[in-house]
Amino acid sequence: MAHPFHAYEEITWQQFILFIKSHNKRIEENINIHLNLEPFILEPERKMIQTLLESFLLFLSAPNIDDIKDTYEEHLDTWLQSHLPLLKDNHFSMFRLIFEKAIVTSLVNLKHAQTLSILMFLLSIFSHLIHSYNKWTGDEPEQHHKTKQENEELKRLQLLDQLDELLIISAGFKDFAFILKKCEDFFNYKRCVFYAYIPWSKFKA
């Protein structure tokens, strides 16, 4: 038997931030409780995850954060990028888990009227962060290789453009030696040699 879908009212970024700011202290307390109760975190990792949690809560509680409208994803990405050098997969996963637990606990204790709406918005935030994290970490070598190939192709085309310009402004046979010399410079050749093909002789001259 299919379970009915429970509709919920979608909230805005400003409404979500208002909830975070209004209950900042309670959320912070719940973060510390769940962090200390988590049995699978080693002490060095605990400090790193605590730093991430404190930073993210501070980011969501910043004075002007609620002025952001349609571009809040960009600001989330900025926060994430600033922490990428410190992040590992297990840190990121545990950070998400504990923050979600802290929000859920706060909502249950408050018996908040928009519990489902706030949780769904929080999930959409983490969905975006997960996507960005995987993009910047999982695909980085492939993306770097692709970028390197694109740069090499662009450089090759630029060199061909330079050669085209040189041929256009040349004075024909009189500039032939100069053209060969410039080809050596453009393409890093040690030596350029010109061969003329004579069809009826079957030899190169």
N, C-alpha and C. Protein backbone atom coordinates (compact mmCIF):
# COMPACT_ATOMS: atom_id res chain seq x y z
N MET A 1 0.84 -1.19 0.00
CA MET A 1 0.00 0.00 0.00
C MET A 1 0.88 1.24 0.00
N ALA A 2 0.63 2.16 -0.91
CA ALA A 2 1.45 3.35 -1.02
C ALA A 2 1.10 4.33 0.09
N HIS A 3 2.15 4.93 0.66
CA HIS A 3 1.95 5.92 1.71
C HIS A 3 1.67 7.28 1.07
N PRO A 4 0.74 8.04 1.63
CA PRO A 4 0.44 9.34 1.05
C PRO A 4 1.61 10.31 1.20
N PHE A 5 1.77 11.17 0.22
CA PHE A 5 2.84 12.17 0.26
C PHE A 5 2.39 13.33 1.14
N HIS A 6 3.21 13.67 2.12
CA HIS A 6 2.87 14.77 3.03
C HIS A 6 3.37 16.07 2.43
N ALA A 7 2.45 16.89 1.97
CA ALA A 7 2.82 18.17 1.38
C ALA A 7 3.37 19.09 2.46
N TYR A 8 4.25 19.97 2.08
CA TYR A 8 4.80 20.94 3.03
C TYR A 8 4.96 22.26 2.31
N GLU A 9 4.97 23.31 3.09
CA GLU A 9 5.12 24.65 2.53
C GLU A 9 6.60 24.98 2.39
N GLU A 10 7.01 25.31 1.19
CA GLU A 10 8.40 25.65 0.97
C GLU A 10 8.73 27.00 1.60
N ILE A 11 9.94 27.09 2.15
CA ILE A 11 10.36 28.34 2.77
C ILE A 11 11.50 28.95 1.95
N THR A 12 11.78 30.19 2.23
CA THR A 12 12.84 30.90 1.53
C THR A 12 14.14 30.81 2.32
N TRP A 13 15.22 31.23 1.66
CA TRP A 13 16.52 31.32 2.34
C TRP A 13 16.42 32.24 3.56
N GLN A 14 15.72 33.36 3.43
CA GLN A 14 15.59 34.30 4.53
C GLN A 14 14.86 33.67 5.72
N GLN A 15 13.84 32.88 5.46
CA GLN A 15 13.10 32.23 6.54
C GLN A 15 13.97 31.18 7.24
N PHE A 16 14.76 30.46 6.46
CA PHE A 16 15.66 29.48 7.05
C PHE A 16 16.70 30.16 7.93
N ILE A 17 17.29 31.24 7.41
CA ILE A 17 18.31 31.97 8.17
C ILE A 17 17.71 32.57 9.44
N LEU A 18 16.48 33.04 9.36
CA LEU A 18 15.81 33.59 10.54
C LEU A 18 15.69 32.53 11.63
N PHE A 19 15.37 31.30 11.23
CA PHE A 19 15.31 30.20 12.21
C PHE A 19 16.68 29.96 12.84
N ILE A 20 17.73 29.93 12.02
CA ILE A 20 19.08 29.69 12.54
C ILE A 20 19.48 30.79 13.51
N LYS A 21 19.24 32.03 13.13
CA LYS A 21 19.63 33.15 14.00
C LYS A 21 18.81 33.17 15.30
N SER A 22 17.54 32.86 15.19
CA SER A 22 16.66 32.91 16.37
C SER A 22 17.01 31.84 17.39
N HIS A 23 17.56 30.72 16.93
CA HIS A 23 17.84 29.60 17.84
C HIS A 23 19.31 29.19 17.78
N ASN A 24 20.15 30.16 17.52
CA ASN A 24 21.58 29.92 17.36
C ASN A 24 22.19 29.22 18.57
N LYS A 25 21.88 29.71 19.74
CA LYS A 25 22.46 29.15 20.97
C LYS A 25 22.03 27.71 21.18
N ARG A 26 20.76 27.44 20.97
CA ARG A 26 20.24 26.09 21.15
C ARG A 26 20.88 25.13 20.14
N ILE A 27 21.00 25.57 18.89
CA ILE A 27 21.61 24.74 17.86
C ILE A 27 23.07 24.45 18.20
N GLU A 28 23.78 25.47 18.66
CA GLU A 28 25.19 25.29 19.05
C GLU A 28 25.33 24.27 20.17
N GLU A 29 24.45 24.33 21.15
CA GLU A 29 24.48 23.37 22.26
C GLU A 29 24.23 21.96 21.76
N ASN A 30 23.25 21.81 20.87
CA ASN A 30 22.94 20.49 20.33
C ASN A 30 24.09 19.94 19.46
N ILE A 31 24.76 20.83 18.75
CA ILE A 31 25.93 20.41 17.97
C ILE A 31 26.98 19.81 18.89
N ASN A 32 27.29 20.50 19.98
CA ASN A 32 28.31 20.02 20.92
C ASN A 32 27.91 18.70 21.57
N ILE A 33 26.62 18.57 21.88
CA ILE A 33 26.13 17.32 22.50
C ILE A 33 26.31 16.14 21.53
N HIS A 34 25.82 16.30 20.31
CA HIS A 34 25.90 15.20 19.34
C HIS A 34 27.34 14.91 18.94
N LEU A 35 28.17 15.93 18.89
CA LEU A 35 29.58 15.73 18.54
C LEU A 35 30.28 14.90 19.62
N ASN A 36 30.01 15.20 20.87
CA ASN A 36 30.65 14.48 21.97
C ASN A 36 30.08 13.08 22.16
N LEU A 37 28.84 12.87 21.74
CA LEU A 37 28.22 11.56 21.89
C LEU A 37 28.57 10.61 20.75
N GLU A 38 29.10 11.14 19.66
CA GLU A 38 29.40 10.30 18.51
C GLU A 38 30.59 9.39 18.81
N PRO A 39 30.38 8.05 18.84
CA PRO A 39 31.45 7.14 19.27
C PRO A 39 32.48 6.81 18.19
N PHE A 40 32.19 7.15 16.94
CA PHE A 40 33.07 6.71 15.84
C PHE A 40 34.04 7.79 15.39
N ILE A 41 34.20 8.83 16.18
CA ILE A 41 35.10 9.91 15.82
C ILE A 41 36.34 9.87 16.71
N LEU A 42 37.50 9.84 16.10
CA LEU A 42 38.75 9.92 16.86
C LEU A 42 38.99 11.36 17.29
N GLU A 43 39.78 11.54 18.31
CA GLU A 43 39.95 12.87 18.90
C GLU A 43 40.50 13.90 17.91
N PRO A 44 41.54 13.59 17.13
CA PRO A 44 42.02 14.59 16.16
C PRO A 44 40.94 14.97 15.13
N GLU A 45 40.15 13.96 14.73
CA GLU A 45 39.07 14.23 13.77
C GLU A 45 37.97 15.05 14.42
N ARG A 46 37.74 14.82 15.71
CA ARG A 46 36.69 15.54 16.42
C ARG A 46 36.94 17.05 16.38
N LYS A 47 38.18 17.43 16.56
CA LYS A 47 38.53 18.85 16.53
C LYS A 47 38.31 19.44 15.14
N MET A 48 38.67 18.68 14.11
CA MET A 48 38.48 19.15 12.75
C MET A 48 37.00 19.31 12.42
N ILE A 49 36.20 18.32 12.80
CA ILE A 49 34.75 18.38 12.54
C ILE A 49 34.11 19.50 13.34
N GLN A 50 34.58 19.70 14.56
CA GLN A 50 34.06 20.80 15.38
C GLN A 50 34.34 22.15 14.72
N THR A 51 35.52 22.29 14.15
CA THR A 51 35.87 23.52 13.44
C THR A 51 34.93 23.77 12.27
N LEU A 52 34.63 22.71 11.52
CA LEU A 52 33.70 22.83 10.39
C LEU A 52 32.30 23.23 10.85
N LEU A 53 31.84 22.59 11.91
CA LEU A 53 30.50 22.86 12.43
C LEU A 53 30.39 24.30 12.93
N GLU A 54 31.38 24.74 13.70
CA GLU A 54 31.37 26.10 14.23
C GLU A 54 31.43 27.12 13.10
N SER A 55 32.25 26.83 12.10
CA SER A 55 32.38 27.75 10.97
C SER A 55 31.08 27.85 10.18
N PHE A 56 30.42 26.71 9.95
CA PHE A 56 29.18 26.71 9.17
C PHE A 56 28.06 27.42 9.92
N LEU A 57 27.96 27.19 11.21
CA LEU A 57 26.93 27.87 12.01
C LEU A 57 27.20 29.38 12.05
N LEU A 58 28.47 29.75 12.16
CA LEU A 58 28.84 31.16 12.14
C LEU A 58 28.50 31.79 10.79
N PHE A 59 28.75 31.03 9.71
CA PHE A 59 28.42 31.50 8.36
C PHE A 59 26.92 31.74 8.22
N LEU A 60 26.10 30.82 8.71
CA LEU A 60 24.64 30.95 8.62
C LEU A 60 24.10 32.02 9.56
N SER A 61 24.89 32.43 10.53
CA SER A 61 24.44 33.43 11.51
C SER A 61 25.04 34.80 11.26
N ALA A 62 25.78 34.95 10.17
CA ALA A 62 26.44 36.23 9.88
C ALA A 62 25.41 37.35 9.78
N PRO A 63 25.79 38.58 10.16
CA PRO A 63 24.82 39.69 10.22
C PRO A 63 24.06 39.94 8.93
N ASN A 64 24.75 39.88 7.77
CA ASN A 64 24.10 40.25 6.51
C ASN A 64 23.74 39.04 5.64
N ILE A 65 23.81 37.85 6.22
CA ILE A 65 23.59 36.64 5.41
C ILE A 65 22.14 36.57 4.90
N ASP A 66 21.20 37.16 5.63
CA ASP A 66 19.81 37.10 5.20
C ASP A 66 19.49 38.09 4.09
N ASP A 67 20.46 38.96 3.75
CA ASP A 67 20.26 39.87 2.61
C ASP A 67 20.45 39.17 1.28
N ILE A 68 21.07 37.99 1.31
CA ILE A 68 21.26 37.21 0.09
C ILE A 68 19.91 36.69 -0.38
N LYS A 69 19.70 36.74 -1.69
CA LYS A 69 18.41 36.29 -2.21
C LYS A 69 18.58 35.05 -3.09
N ASP A 70 18.75 35.26 -4.38
CA ASP A 70 18.76 34.12 -5.31
C ASP A 70 20.14 33.50 -5.50
N THR A 71 21.14 34.07 -4.86
CA THR A 71 22.51 33.59 -5.10
C THR A 71 23.11 32.93 -3.87
N TYR A 72 22.28 32.42 -2.99
CA TYR A 72 22.84 31.85 -1.76
C TYR A 72 23.70 30.62 -2.04
N GLU A 73 23.43 29.91 -3.16
CA GLU A 73 24.27 28.75 -3.50
C GLU A 73 25.72 29.16 -3.74
N GLU A 74 25.91 30.33 -4.36
CA GLU A 74 27.27 30.81 -4.59
C GLU A 74 28.00 31.06 -3.27
N HIS A 75 27.27 31.57 -2.29
CA HIS A 75 27.88 31.83 -0.98
C HIS A 75 28.17 30.52 -0.24
N LEU A 76 27.32 29.54 -0.43
CA LEU A 76 27.60 28.21 0.12
C LEU A 76 28.87 27.64 -0.49
N ASP A 77 29.02 27.81 -1.80
CA ASP A 77 30.21 27.32 -2.49
C ASP A 77 31.46 28.04 -2.00
N THR A 78 31.34 29.33 -1.75
CA THR A 78 32.48 30.10 -1.24
C THR A 78 32.91 29.56 0.12
N TRP A 79 31.94 29.29 0.97
CA TRP A 79 32.27 28.72 2.29
C TRP A 79 32.96 27.36 2.12
N LEU A 80 32.40 26.52 1.27
CA LEU A 80 32.94 25.17 1.08
C LEU A 80 34.35 25.23 0.50
N GLN A 81 34.58 26.07 -0.49
CA GLN A 81 35.89 26.18 -1.11
C GLN A 81 36.96 26.61 -0.11
N SER A 82 36.57 27.47 0.81
CA SER A 82 37.54 27.94 1.81
C SER A 82 37.98 26.84 2.77
N HIS A 83 37.20 25.75 2.82
CA HIS A 83 37.53 24.65 3.74
C HIS A 83 38.01 23.39 3.02
N LEU A 84 38.03 23.41 1.70
CA LEU A 84 38.42 22.22 0.94
C LEU A 84 39.80 21.69 1.30
N PRO A 85 40.81 22.55 1.53
CA PRO A 85 42.14 22.02 1.86
C PRO A 85 42.15 21.18 3.13
N LEU A 86 41.17 21.39 4.00
CA LEU A 86 41.13 20.67 5.28
C LEU A 86 40.20 19.47 5.25
N LEU A 87 39.39 19.34 4.20
CA LEU A 87 38.32 18.36 4.21
C LEU A 87 38.76 17.00 3.69
N LYS A 88 38.24 15.97 4.34
CA LYS A 88 38.30 14.60 3.84
C LYS A 88 36.87 14.08 3.78
N ASP A 89 36.67 13.00 3.06
CA ASP A 89 35.31 12.48 2.88
C ASP A 89 34.64 12.18 4.22
N ASN A 90 35.38 11.54 5.14
CA ASN A 90 34.76 11.18 6.42
C ASN A 90 34.45 12.41 7.26
N HIS A 91 35.30 13.45 7.18
CA HIS A 91 35.02 14.69 7.90
C HIS A 91 33.74 15.33 7.38
N PHE A 92 33.63 15.39 6.06
CA PHE A 92 32.48 16.03 5.44
C PHE A 92 31.19 15.29 5.78
N SER A 93 31.23 13.97 5.73
CA SER A 93 30.04 13.16 6.04
C SER A 93 29.61 13.33 7.49
N MET A 94 30.57 13.29 8.41
CA MET A 94 30.23 13.43 9.82
C MET A 94 29.77 14.84 10.15
N PHE A 95 30.36 15.82 9.50
CA PHE A 95 29.92 17.21 9.68
C PHE A 95 28.44 17.36 9.31
N ARG A 96 28.06 16.80 8.16
CA ARG A 96 26.66 16.86 7.73
C ARG A 96 25.75 16.16 8.71
N LEU A 97 26.14 14.97 9.13
CA LEU A 97 25.31 14.16 10.03
C LEU A 97 25.05 14.89 11.35
N ILE A 98 26.08 15.43 11.94
CA ILE A 98 25.93 16.07 13.25
C ILE A 98 25.14 17.37 13.13
N PHE A 99 25.36 18.12 12.06
CA PHE A 99 24.59 19.36 11.89
C PHE A 99 23.12 19.04 11.71
N GLU A 100 22.82 18.02 10.93
CA GLU A 100 21.42 17.61 10.73
C GLU A 100 20.80 17.16 12.05
N LYS A 101 21.54 16.38 12.84
CA LYS A 101 21.04 15.93 14.14
C LYS A 101 20.73 17.12 15.05
N ALA A 102 21.62 18.11 15.03
CA ALA A 102 21.44 19.29 15.88
C ALA A 102 20.18 20.07 15.48
N ILE A 103 19.94 20.19 14.18
CA ILE A 103 18.76 20.91 13.70
C ILE A 103 17.49 20.13 14.03
N VAL A 104 17.52 18.82 13.79
CA VAL A 104 16.34 17.98 14.09
C VAL A 104 16.00 18.05 15.57
N THR A 105 17.01 17.91 16.42
CA THR A 105 16.79 17.97 17.88
C THR A 105 16.19 19.31 18.29
N SER A 106 16.71 20.37 17.71
CA SER A 106 16.20 21.71 18.03
C SER A 106 14.75 21.85 17.61
N LEU A 107 14.41 21.37 16.43
CA LEU A 107 13.04 21.46 15.93
C LEU A 107 12.07 20.65 16.79
N VAL A 108 12.49 19.45 17.19
CA VAL A 108 11.63 18.59 18.02
C VAL A 108 11.39 19.23 19.38
N ASN A 109 12.44 19.74 20.00
CA ASN A 109 12.31 20.37 21.31
C ASN A 109 11.44 21.63 21.26
N LEU A 110 11.55 22.35 20.16
CA LEU A 110 10.76 23.58 20.01
C LEU A 110 9.33 23.31 19.57
N LYS A 111 9.09 22.11 19.05
CA LYS A 111 7.79 21.78 18.45
C LYS A 111 7.43 22.83 17.40
N HIS A 112 8.41 23.09 16.54
CA HIS A 112 8.29 24.17 15.57
C HIS A 112 7.21 23.87 14.53
N ALA A 113 6.46 24.90 14.17
CA ALA A 113 5.35 24.73 13.24
C ALA A 113 5.82 24.41 11.82
N GLN A 114 7.05 24.82 11.48
CA GLN A 114 7.56 24.60 10.12
C GLN A 114 8.68 23.55 10.11
N THR A 115 8.57 22.57 10.97
CA THR A 115 9.62 21.56 11.09
C THR A 115 9.97 20.91 9.76
N LEU A 116 8.97 20.41 9.07
CA LEU A 116 9.21 19.71 7.81
C LEU A 116 9.80 20.66 6.76
N SER A 117 9.29 21.85 6.70
CA SER A 117 9.78 22.83 5.72
C SER A 117 11.25 23.16 5.96
N ILE A 118 11.62 23.36 7.21
CA ILE A 118 13.01 23.69 7.55
C ILE A 118 13.93 22.51 7.24
N LEU A 119 13.49 21.30 7.57
CA LEU A 119 14.31 20.12 7.29
C LEU A 119 14.50 19.93 5.80
N MET A 120 13.47 20.12 5.02
CA MET A 120 13.58 19.96 3.56
C MET A 120 14.52 21.01 2.97
N PHE A 121 14.47 22.22 3.50
CA PHE A 121 15.38 23.25 3.01
C PHE A 121 16.82 22.91 3.39
N LEU A 122 17.00 22.41 4.61
CA LEU A 122 18.34 22.01 5.04
C LEU A 122 18.89 20.90 4.15
N LEU A 123 18.04 19.94 3.78
CA LEU A 123 18.46 18.86 2.89
C LEU A 123 18.84 19.38 1.51
N SER A 124 18.13 20.39 1.05
CA SER A 124 18.48 20.97 -0.25
C SER A 124 19.82 21.68 -0.18
N ILE A 125 20.12 22.30 0.95
CA ILE A 125 21.43 22.95 1.14
C ILE A 125 22.54 21.92 1.09
N PHE A 126 22.37 20.84 1.83
CA PHE A 126 23.41 19.81 1.85
C PHE A 126 23.50 19.07 0.51
N SER A 127 22.38 18.95 -0.18
CA SER A 127 22.42 18.35 -1.51
C SER A 127 23.30 19.18 -2.43
N HIS A 128 23.18 20.48 -2.34
CA HIS A 128 24.03 21.37 -3.15
C HIS A 128 25.49 21.26 -2.73
N LEU A 129 25.75 21.24 -1.42
CA LEU A 129 27.13 21.14 -0.93
C LEU A 129 27.77 19.82 -1.34
N ILE A 130 27.01 18.74 -1.29
CA ILE A 130 27.53 17.43 -1.69
C ILE A 130 27.90 17.44 -3.17
N HIS A 131 27.01 18.00 -3.99
CA HIS A 131 27.28 18.08 -5.43
C HIS A 131 28.55 18.88 -5.69
N SER A 132 28.69 20.02 -5.03
CA SER A 132 29.88 20.86 -5.23
C SER A 132 31.13 20.16 -4.72
N TYR A 133 31.03 19.51 -3.59
CA TYR A 133 32.18 18.80 -3.01
C TYR A 133 32.66 17.69 -3.95
N ASN A 134 31.73 16.91 -4.45
CA ASN A 134 32.10 15.82 -5.37
C ASN A 134 32.68 16.37 -6.67
N LYS A 135 32.15 17.48 -7.14
CA LYS A 135 32.64 18.08 -8.38
C LYS A 135 34.09 18.54 -8.22
N TRP A 136 34.39 19.15 -7.08
CA TRP A 136 35.72 19.74 -6.88
C TRP A 136 36.75 18.73 -6.40
N THR A 137 36.32 17.63 -5.85
CA THR A 137 37.28 16.64 -5.34
C THR A 137 37.33 15.40 -6.21
N GLY A 138 36.18 14.81 -6.53
CA GLY A 138 36.16 13.56 -7.28
C GLY A 138 36.59 13.71 -8.72
N ASP A 139 36.25 14.82 -9.39
CA ASP A 139 36.54 14.97 -10.81
C ASP A 139 37.74 15.86 -11.08
N GLU A 140 38.47 16.21 -10.02
CA GLU A 140 39.55 17.18 -10.20
C GLU A 140 40.64 16.71 -11.15
N PRO A 141 41.18 15.47 -11.04
CA PRO A 141 42.23 15.06 -11.98
C PRO A 141 41.75 15.07 -13.43
N GLU A 142 40.54 14.57 -13.66
CA GLU A 142 40.00 14.53 -15.03
C GLU A 142 39.80 15.95 -15.56
N GLN A 143 39.28 16.83 -14.71
CA GLN A 143 39.06 18.21 -15.14
C GLN A 143 40.38 18.90 -15.43
N HIS A 144 41.41 18.61 -14.60
CA HIS A 144 42.72 19.21 -14.81
C HIS A 144 43.31 18.75 -16.15
N HIS A 145 43.14 17.46 -16.45
CA HIS A 145 43.65 16.91 -17.71
C HIS A 145 42.93 17.55 -18.90
N LYS A 146 41.61 17.71 -18.77
CA LYS A 146 40.82 18.31 -19.84
C LYS A 146 41.25 19.75 -20.07
N THR A 147 41.46 20.49 -18.98
CA THR A 147 41.87 21.89 -19.09
C THR A 147 43.23 22.00 -19.74
N LYS A 148 44.13 21.09 -19.38
CA LYS A 148 45.47 21.10 -19.97
C LYS A 148 45.41 20.85 -21.48
N GLN A 149 44.58 19.90 -21.91
CA GLN A 149 44.42 19.63 -23.33
C GLN A 149 43.85 20.84 -24.07
N GLU A 150 42.86 21.48 -23.46
CA GLU A 150 42.25 22.66 -24.07
C GLU A 150 43.27 23.78 -24.22
N ASN A 151 44.12 23.97 -23.22
CA ASN A 151 45.14 25.01 -23.28
C ASN A 151 46.17 24.72 -24.37
N GLU A 152 46.54 23.45 -24.51
CA GLU A 152 47.51 23.08 -25.54
C GLU A 152 46.93 23.30 -26.94
N GLU A 153 45.66 22.96 -27.11
CA GLU A 153 45.01 23.17 -28.40
C GLU A 153 44.90 24.65 -28.72
N LEU A 154 44.58 25.45 -27.72
CA LEU A 154 44.48 26.90 -27.92
C LEU A 154 45.83 27.48 -28.31
N LYS A 155 46.89 27.01 -27.66
CA LYS A 155 48.23 27.49 -27.98
C LYS A 155 48.62 27.12 -29.41
N ARG A 156 48.26 25.90 -29.84
CA ARG A 156 48.58 25.45 -31.20
C ARG A 156 47.85 26.31 -32.23
N LEU A 157 46.59 26.62 -31.96
CA LEU A 157 45.83 27.45 -32.89
C LEU A 157 46.38 28.88 -32.96
N GLN A 158 46.85 29.38 -31.83
CA GLN A 158 47.44 30.72 -31.81
C GLN A 158 48.72 30.76 -32.64
N LEU A 159 49.51 29.69 -32.56
CA LEU A 159 50.74 29.62 -33.35
C LEU A 159 50.42 29.55 -34.85
N LEU A 160 49.39 28.81 -35.21
CA LEU A 160 48.98 28.74 -36.61
C LEU A 160 48.49 30.10 -37.10
N ASP A 161 47.81 30.84 -36.23
CA ASP A 161 47.39 32.20 -36.59
C ASP A 161 48.59 33.09 -36.87
N GLN A 162 49.63 32.95 -36.04
CA GLN A 162 50.84 33.74 -36.24
C GLN A 162 51.50 33.39 -37.58
N LEU A 163 51.51 32.10 -37.90
CA LEU A 163 52.09 31.66 -39.17
C LEU A 163 51.27 32.21 -40.34
N ASP A 164 49.95 32.20 -40.23
CA ASP A 164 49.08 32.76 -41.28
C ASP A 164 49.40 34.24 -41.52
N GLU A 165 49.53 34.99 -40.41
CA GLU A 165 49.83 36.41 -40.54
C GLU A 165 51.19 36.63 -41.21
N LEU A 166 52.15 35.78 -40.84
CA LEU A 166 53.49 35.90 -41.43
C LEU A 166 53.44 35.65 -42.94
N LEU A 167 52.69 34.63 -43.37
CA LEU A 167 52.59 34.31 -44.80
C LEU A 167 51.86 35.41 -45.57
N ILE A 168 50.87 36.04 -44.93
CA ILE A 168 50.10 37.09 -45.60
C ILE A 168 50.97 38.31 -45.89
N ILE A 169 51.82 38.67 -44.93
CA ILE A 169 52.62 39.90 -45.10
C ILE A 169 53.96 39.64 -45.79
N SER A 170 54.26 38.38 -46.11
CA SER A 170 55.56 38.06 -46.72
C SER A 170 55.61 38.51 -48.18
N ALA A 171 56.83 38.67 -48.68
CA ALA A 171 57.03 39.13 -50.07
C ALA A 171 57.39 37.97 -50.98
N GLY A 172 56.86 36.80 -50.68
CA GLY A 172 57.08 35.65 -51.55
C GLY A 172 58.44 35.01 -51.35
N PHE A 173 59.08 34.64 -52.47
CA PHE A 173 60.32 33.87 -52.42
C PHE A 173 61.43 34.60 -51.66
N LYS A 174 61.44 35.94 -51.72
CA LYS A 174 62.50 36.70 -51.06
C LYS A 174 62.50 36.50 -49.54
N ASP A 175 61.34 36.26 -48.96
CA ASP A 175 61.23 36.08 -47.50
C ASP A 175 61.25 34.61 -47.09
N PHE A 176 61.57 33.73 -48.02
CA PHE A 176 61.46 32.30 -47.74
C PHE A 176 62.35 31.87 -46.58
N ALA A 177 63.59 32.29 -46.55
CA ALA A 177 64.51 31.91 -45.46
C ALA A 177 64.02 32.46 -44.13
N PHE A 178 63.49 33.69 -44.17
CA PHE A 178 62.96 34.31 -42.94
C PHE A 178 61.77 33.52 -42.40
N ILE A 179 60.90 33.06 -43.32
CA ILE A 179 59.71 32.28 -42.90
C ILE A 179 60.14 30.98 -42.23
N LEU A 180 61.13 30.30 -42.82
CA LEU A 180 61.60 29.05 -42.21
C LEU A 180 62.17 29.30 -40.82
N LYS A 181 62.90 30.41 -40.70
CA LYS A 181 63.49 30.74 -39.40
C LYS A 181 62.40 31.01 -38.36
N LYS A 182 61.33 31.72 -38.76
CA LYS A 182 60.24 32.01 -37.84
C LYS A 182 59.47 30.75 -37.46
N CYS A 183 59.39 29.77 -38.39
CA CYS A 183 58.75 28.49 -38.08
C CYS A 183 59.52 27.76 -36.98
N GLU A 184 60.85 27.84 -37.05
CA GLU A 184 61.68 27.25 -35.99
C GLU A 184 61.36 27.89 -34.64
N ASP A 185 61.19 29.21 -34.65
CA ASP A 185 60.88 29.92 -33.40
C ASP A 185 59.47 29.60 -32.90
N PHE A 186 58.49 29.62 -33.81
CA PHE A 186 57.10 29.40 -33.42
C PHE A 186 56.89 28.02 -32.80
N PHE A 187 57.42 27.00 -33.47
CA PHE A 187 57.10 25.61 -33.12
C PHE A 187 58.24 24.88 -32.41
N ASN A 188 59.26 25.64 -32.00
CA ASN A 188 60.41 25.07 -31.27
C ASN A 188 61.10 23.96 -32.07
N TYR A 189 61.19 24.15 -33.38
CA TYR A 189 61.92 23.20 -34.21
C TYR A 189 63.42 23.52 -34.15
N LYS A 190 64.23 22.46 -34.18
CA LYS A 190 65.68 22.67 -34.22
C LYS A 190 66.12 23.12 -35.62
N ARG A 191 65.42 22.61 -36.65
CA ARG A 191 65.82 22.94 -38.01
C ARG A 191 64.64 22.76 -38.94
N CYS A 192 64.42 23.72 -39.85
CA CYS A 192 63.36 23.62 -40.85
C CYS A 192 63.98 23.44 -42.23
N VAL A 193 63.49 22.47 -42.97
CA VAL A 193 63.97 22.19 -44.32
C VAL A 193 62.78 22.16 -45.26
N PHE A 194 62.91 22.79 -46.42
CA PHE A 194 61.83 22.82 -47.41
C PHE A 194 62.12 21.85 -48.55
N TYR A 195 61.15 21.00 -48.84
CA TYR A 195 61.25 20.06 -49.95
C TYR A 195 60.18 20.40 -50.98
N ALA A 196 60.58 20.50 -52.22
CA ALA A 196 59.62 20.72 -53.31
C ALA A 196 59.36 19.40 -54.02
N TYR A 197 58.12 19.09 -54.25
CA TYR A 197 57.75 17.83 -54.89
C TYR A 197 57.50 18.07 -56.39
N ILE A 198 58.23 17.33 -57.22
CA ILE A 198 58.07 17.44 -58.67
C ILE A 198 57.40 16.16 -59.17
N PRO A 199 56.13 16.19 -59.54
CA PRO A 199 55.36 14.97 -59.85
C PRO A 199 55.99 14.11 -60.93
N TRP A 200 56.48 14.73 -62.03
CA TRP A 200 56.96 13.89 -63.15
C TRP A 200 58.32 13.27 -62.88
N SER A 201 59.05 13.76 -61.89
CA SER A 201 60.37 13.18 -61.60
C SER A 201 60.30 12.10 -60.54
N LYS A 202 59.18 12.06 -59.78
CA LYS A 202 59.00 11.13 -58.66
C LYS A 202 60.09 11.32 -57.59
N PHE A 203 60.67 12.47 -57.56
CA PHE A 203 61.67 12.78 -56.55
C PHE A 203 61.36 14.14 -55.94
N LYS A 204 61.87 14.29 -54.74
CA LYS A 204 61.74 15.58 -54.07
C LYS A 204 62.99 16.38 -54.39
N ALA A 205 62.83 17.67 -54.65
CA ALA A 205 63.95 18.53 -54.97
C ALA A 205 64.20 19.50 -53.81
